[in-house]
Amino acid sequence: MTISAQSILDFAIPKATQVVSARDAILYALSVGYGTDALDDQELKYVYERDLVTAPTLANIVAHPGPWMQQTGVDWTRLVHSEHRLTIHRPVPVDVPLISRSRVLSVFDRGVEKGMFVSFERLIATADGDQPVATIVQTNACRSDGGCGSAGSTPEPLSKVPDRPPDFEFNVDIPQNAALLYRLNGDLNLMHVDPQAARKSGFARPILHGLCSFGYAGYAIVAAIDPSMATGLSSIAARFSAPIFPGETITLQMWRNDAEVRFRGLVALRGATILDNGIARLS
């Protein structure tokens, strides 16, 4: 297949449907940090079916259209998630049919040697009443597919975090088996589990899913600001600036201005910034 910016822009991303069960919601919450203290009632509500509360970032895995970019002709083994923006209209409901509709927003060509970025939007709503649940804008970096041209309108860039010491820091230990657990949410990309596939994709060993670190960030922001875990998120966005490996510790730095929180994630032992230009809004 000949790749062009216009052919990707015109690609018809399939609709997807899902009914989220309590088990789905609990598995997701466990895979992004909730329930670490099993005796804490505030965390237990995210991982116990009685009076279950769904994690704010759960929408990221709901009614996903799957690895549709494989069908566009890009080099799938060299594709990575580079940026993610989630707007939460309402908590993900359990046992309610949901539907997602997606469209490509833009293709930004950086040149033959540098690859391209593809941004697409996914709208999740209830299947019956079409009530909005979440809006997601995802950007993928296709590292081997530059030279195809540009098309569409790229999202406004995320702003840099403030140039001053953070107001809060919160450390999150990522378990060694984090990617093995998170992949059960539906992202079965081999680079997160298979060492040989990871090396083929340019990594020394399997890397953590970007959306797993994103989910941990959502958990950490709420846990740092409101230990009662009563606060929610209305939106969260960040750039994936470097890979993180299972077993590492993320230090989340936060700058708060009322309901707005700017953030970035660091792995101090490697001197790496793994999440950057982060912004979240408290609900």
Protein backbone atom coordinates (compact mmCIF):
# COMPACT_ATOMS: atom_id res chain seq x y z
CA MET A 1 0.00 0.00 0.00
CA THR A 2 1.28 3.45 -0.93
CA ILE A 3 1.12 5.71 2.09
CA SER A 4 0.07 9.31 1.67
CA ALA A 5 -1.09 11.85 4.20
CA GLN A 6 -4.46 12.06 2.47
CA SER A 7 -4.99 8.28 2.48
CA ILE A 8 -4.44 8.22 6.25
CA LEU A 9 -6.63 11.30 6.79
CA ASP A 10 -9.44 9.63 4.82
CA PHE A 11 -9.12 6.25 6.55
CA ALA A 12 -12.46 5.12 7.96
CA ILE A 13 -11.69 4.10 11.55
CA PRO A 14 -14.22 1.45 12.57
CA LYS A 15 -16.80 2.14 15.25
CA ALA A 16 -16.42 0.11 18.41
CA THR A 17 -18.84 -0.94 21.12
CA GLN A 18 -18.36 -2.24 24.64
CA VAL A 19 -20.27 -2.91 27.83
CA VAL A 20 -17.88 -2.25 30.71
CA SER A 21 -18.30 -4.75 33.53
CA ALA A 22 -17.32 -4.25 37.15
CA ARG A 23 -14.49 -6.72 36.49
CA ASP A 24 -13.21 -4.57 33.59
CA ALA A 25 -13.24 -1.46 35.75
CA ILE A 26 -11.50 -3.17 38.66
CA LEU A 27 -8.81 -4.73 36.46
CA TYR A 28 -8.05 -1.33 34.93
CA ALA A 29 -7.88 0.37 38.35
CA LEU A 30 -5.49 -2.29 39.69
CA SER A 31 -3.30 -1.91 36.60
CA VAL A 32 -2.74 1.84 37.16
CA GLY A 33 -2.07 1.99 40.88
CA TYR A 34 -5.41 1.86 42.70
CA GLY A 35 -5.73 -0.64 45.52
CA THR A 36 -2.07 -0.52 46.57
CA ASP A 37 -3.29 -0.27 50.15
CA ALA A 38 -6.04 -2.89 50.28
CA LEU A 39 -7.14 -1.71 53.75
CA ASP A 40 -7.71 1.89 52.66
CA ASP A 41 -11.45 2.44 52.18
CA GLN A 42 -10.77 5.38 49.86
CA GLU A 43 -8.82 3.19 47.42
CA LEU A 44 -11.00 0.14 47.95
CA LYS A 45 -13.99 1.81 46.29
CA TYR A 46 -12.15 1.68 42.95
CA VAL A 47 -11.36 -2.04 43.19
CA TYR A 48 -14.41 -3.50 44.96
CA GLU A 49 -17.71 -4.09 43.18
CA ARG A 50 -19.76 -2.89 46.16
CA ASP A 51 -20.42 0.84 45.57
CA LEU A 52 -17.83 0.73 42.78
CA VAL A 53 -16.36 4.04 41.56
CA THR A 54 -14.69 3.91 38.13
CA ALA A 55 -11.22 5.42 37.76
CA PRO A 56 -11.24 8.78 35.92
CA THR A 57 -8.90 7.55 33.17
CA LEU A 58 -10.81 4.31 32.52
CA ALA A 59 -12.27 5.82 29.32
CA ASN A 60 -8.86 5.42 27.64
CA ILE A 61 -9.41 1.68 27.17
CA VAL A 62 -13.18 1.72 26.53
CA ALA A 63 -14.68 0.88 23.11
CA HIS A 64 -11.26 1.08 21.50
CA PRO A 65 -11.18 0.53 17.70
CA GLY A 66 -8.07 -1.63 17.97
CA PRO A 67 -4.79 -1.39 16.02
CA TRP A 68 -6.43 0.20 12.98
CA MET A 69 -3.22 1.94 11.87
CA GLN A 70 -1.81 -1.45 10.87
CA GLN A 71 -4.22 -1.29 7.94
CA THR A 72 -2.93 2.08 6.67
CA GLY A 73 0.44 0.70 5.59
CA VAL A 74 2.63 2.26 8.30
CA ASP A 75 5.48 0.31 9.90
CA TRP A 76 3.58 -0.94 12.94
CA THR A 77 6.73 -2.17 14.71
CA ARG A 78 8.09 1.40 14.76
CA LEU A 79 4.91 3.15 15.89
CA VAL A 80 4.72 4.59 19.42
CA HIS A 81 2.13 6.61 21.32
CA SER A 82 3.52 10.16 21.64
CA GLU A 83 0.76 12.31 23.14
CA HIS A 84 -2.64 11.82 24.74
CA ARG A 85 -5.51 14.11 25.75
CA LEU A 86 -8.59 12.93 27.66
CA THR A 87 -11.67 15.03 28.44
CA ILE A 88 -14.09 13.35 30.85
CA HIS A 89 -17.73 14.30 30.42
CA ARG A 90 -19.04 11.80 32.96
CA PRO A 91 -17.65 8.75 34.79
CA VAL A 92 -17.61 5.60 32.68
CA PRO A 93 -20.85 3.75 33.56
CA VAL A 94 -20.82 0.03 34.33
CA ASP A 95 -23.14 -2.41 32.51
CA VAL A 96 -24.23 0.22 29.97
CA PRO A 97 -23.66 -0.27 26.21
CA LEU A 98 -21.13 2.28 24.93
CA ILE A 99 -20.05 3.22 21.41
CA SER A 100 -17.02 5.09 20.09
CA ARG A 101 -16.68 6.99 16.83
CA SER A 102 -13.22 7.99 15.63
CA ARG A 103 -11.72 10.15 12.90
CA VAL A 104 -8.22 11.15 11.85
CA LEU A 105 -7.53 14.83 12.55
CA SER A 106 -4.10 15.36 11.05
CA VAL A 107 -0.93 13.93 9.57
CA PHE A 108 2.22 15.93 10.25
CA ASP A 109 5.24 14.92 8.16
CA ARG A 110 8.65 15.59 9.73
CA GLY A 111 10.64 14.26 6.77
CA VAL A 112 11.95 10.92 5.53
CA GLU A 113 14.53 10.55 8.31
CA LYS A 114 12.28 11.77 11.15
CA GLY A 115 8.91 10.10 10.57
CA MET A 116 5.45 11.57 11.00
CA PHE A 117 2.77 12.22 13.62
CA VAL A 118 -0.84 11.10 13.19
CA SER A 119 -3.53 12.57 15.49
CA PHE A 120 -7.02 11.12 15.76
CA GLU A 121 -10.10 11.81 17.86
CA ARG A 122 -12.31 9.24 19.59
CA LEU A 123 -15.74 10.17 20.96
CA ILE A 124 -17.26 7.76 23.49
CA ALA A 125 -20.98 7.93 24.27
CA THR A 126 -23.81 5.75 25.52
CA ALA A 127 -25.11 3.61 22.68
CA ASP A 128 -28.80 4.21 23.44
CA GLY A 129 -29.08 7.86 24.48
CA ASP A 130 -25.85 9.05 22.81
CA GLN A 131 -24.86 10.81 26.02
CA PRO A 132 -21.16 11.83 25.86
CA VAL A 133 -18.81 10.00 28.18
CA ALA A 134 -15.35 11.10 27.01
CA THR A 135 -13.43 12.75 24.19
CA ILE A 136 -9.93 11.49 23.43
CA VAL A 137 -7.29 12.94 21.11
CA GLN A 138 -4.35 10.62 20.57
CA THR A 139 -1.16 11.27 18.64
CA ASN A 140 1.02 8.44 17.36
CA ALA A 141 4.61 8.82 16.18
CA CYS A 142 5.26 6.72 13.07
CA ARG A 143 9.04 6.71 13.26
CA SER A 144 9.73 5.07 9.88
CA ASP A 145 7.02 6.68 7.74
CA GLY A 146 8.16 10.22 7.04
CA GLY A 147 8.01 11.70 3.57
CA CYS A 148 4.30 11.06 3.05
CA GLY A 149 3.23 14.73 3.22
CA SER A 150 1.01 16.55 5.72
CA ALA A 151 -2.75 17.00 5.87
CA GLY A 152 -5.44 18.17 8.28
CA SER A 153 -5.16 20.46 11.30
CA THR A 154 -2.79 19.45 14.10
CA PRO A 155 -3.89 19.92 17.74
CA GLU A 156 -2.64 23.01 19.56
CA PRO A 157 0.64 22.12 21.29
CA LEU A 158 0.61 21.41 25.01
CA SER A 159 2.31 24.14 27.06
CA LYS A 160 5.51 23.57 29.00
CA VAL A 161 5.35 23.18 32.78
CA PRO A 162 6.24 26.24 34.92
CA ASP A 163 9.90 27.22 35.27
CA ARG A 164 9.99 27.00 39.08
CA PRO A 165 10.15 24.30 41.74
CA PRO A 166 7.00 22.13 41.86
CA ASP A 167 4.35 22.56 44.54
CA PHE A 168 4.02 18.79 45.07
CA GLU A 169 6.00 15.65 44.35
CA PHE A 170 4.57 12.16 44.50
CA ASN A 171 6.50 8.93 43.94
CA VAL A 172 4.85 5.96 42.25
CA ASP A 173 6.58 2.58 42.15
CA ILE A 174 5.76 0.73 38.94
CA PRO A 175 5.65 -3.06 39.56
CA GLN A 176 7.89 -5.35 37.54
CA ASN A 177 4.80 -7.04 36.10
CA ALA A 178 2.95 -3.80 35.33
CA ALA A 179 2.96 -4.23 31.54
CA LEU A 180 1.87 -7.88 31.85
CA LEU A 181 -1.12 -6.77 33.91
CA TYR A 182 -1.99 -3.67 31.89
CA ARG A 183 -2.04 -5.55 28.57
CA LEU A 184 -5.06 -7.51 29.85
CA ASN A 185 -7.03 -4.29 29.32
CA GLY A 186 -6.75 -4.96 25.60
CA ASP A 187 -3.46 -3.50 24.31
CA LEU A 188 -1.58 -6.63 23.23
CA ASN A 189 1.26 -4.89 21.35
CA LEU A 190 4.21 -7.28 21.60
CA MET A 191 6.74 -4.55 22.42
CA HIS A 192 5.29 -4.49 25.95
CA VAL A 193 5.82 -8.20 26.68
CA ASP A 194 8.20 -9.83 24.19
CA PRO A 195 11.93 -8.93 24.50
CA GLN A 196 12.61 -9.77 20.85
CA ALA A 197 9.71 -7.63 19.64
CA ALA A 198 10.88 -4.79 21.88
CA ARG A 199 14.39 -4.93 20.38
CA LYS A 200 12.91 -4.92 16.88
CA SER A 201 11.05 -1.74 17.85
CA GLY A 202 14.29 -0.15 19.03
CA PHE A 203 14.11 -0.77 22.79
CA ALA A 204 16.53 -2.74 24.96
CA ARG A 205 13.66 -4.54 26.69
CA PRO A 206 9.84 -4.38 26.84
CA ILE A 207 8.54 -0.94 27.73
CA LEU A 208 5.50 0.08 29.74
CA HIS A 209 2.39 1.12 27.82
CA GLY A 210 2.21 4.90 27.58
CA LEU A 211 -1.40 4.83 28.74
CA CYS A 212 -0.36 2.80 31.78
CA SER A 213 1.99 5.58 32.91
CA PHE A 214 -0.78 8.06 31.99
CA GLY A 215 -3.21 6.18 34.25
CA TYR A 216 -0.66 6.14 37.06
CA ALA A 217 -0.31 9.92 36.62
CA GLY A 218 -4.08 10.36 36.95
CA TYR A 219 -4.04 8.26 40.12
CA ALA A 220 -1.05 10.14 41.59
CA ILE A 221 -2.47 13.62 40.94
CA VAL A 222 -5.63 12.84 42.88
CA ALA A 223 -3.81 10.91 45.63
CA ALA A 224 -1.30 13.74 46.17
CA ILE A 225 -3.86 16.55 46.29
CA ASP A 226 -6.73 14.75 48.01
CA PRO A 227 -5.75 11.64 50.01
CA SER A 228 -9.45 10.92 50.54
CA MET A 229 -9.60 10.21 46.79
CA ALA A 230 -12.90 12.12 46.64
CA THR A 231 -11.61 14.55 43.99
CA GLY A 232 -11.96 13.57 40.35
CA LEU A 233 -10.52 14.74 37.05
CA SER A 234 -12.39 16.50 34.28
CA SER A 235 -9.44 16.34 31.87
CA ILE A 236 -5.82 15.22 31.66
CA ALA A 237 -3.24 15.44 28.88
CA ALA A 238 0.49 14.83 28.50
CA ARG A 239 3.28 14.09 26.06
CA PHE A 240 5.13 10.77 26.26
CA SER A 241 8.68 12.09 26.07
CA ALA A 242 10.68 8.93 26.84
CA PRO A 243 9.95 5.25 27.51
CA ILE A 244 9.52 3.92 31.02
CA PHE A 245 10.35 0.37 31.98
CA PRO A 246 8.41 -1.81 34.43
CA GLY A 247 10.04 -1.78 37.85
CA GLU A 248 11.02 1.89 37.77
CA THR A 249 9.80 4.69 40.05
CA ILE A 250 8.01 7.71 38.59
CA THR A 251 8.37 10.98 40.45
CA LEU A 252 5.39 13.09 39.49
CA GLN A 253 6.07 16.82 39.88
CA MET A 254 2.99 19.03 40.12
CA TRP A 255 2.20 22.74 39.97
CA ARG A 256 -1.30 23.65 41.16
CA ASN A 257 -3.32 26.74 40.26
CA ASP A 258 -6.79 26.23 41.78
CA ALA A 259 -8.46 23.51 39.70
CA GLU A 260 -5.61 23.30 37.18
CA VAL A 261 -2.59 21.09 37.76
CA ARG A 262 0.47 21.13 35.51
CA PHE A 263 2.70 18.07 35.82
CA ARG A 264 5.58 16.02 34.50
CA GLY A 265 6.91 12.58 35.32
CA LEU A 266 10.58 11.80 35.96
CA VAL A 267 12.62 8.63 36.42
CA ALA A 268 15.35 10.04 38.66
CA LEU A 269 17.70 7.05 38.43
CA ARG A 270 18.00 7.54 34.65
CA GLY A 271 17.62 11.32 34.65
CA ALA A 272 14.73 10.81 32.21
CA THR A 273 11.55 12.82 31.76
CA ILE A 274 8.95 10.26 30.69
CA LEU A 275 5.83 12.47 30.82
CA ASP A 276 6.00 16.16 29.97
CA ASN A 277 3.84 19.21 29.27
CA GLY A 278 1.15 17.62 31.44
CA ILE A 279 -2.04 19.41 32.36
CA ALA A 280 -5.00 18.17 34.38
CA ARG A 281 -8.17 19.82 35.63
CA LEU A 282 -9.84 18.77 38.83
CA SER A 283 -13.56 18.18 38.85
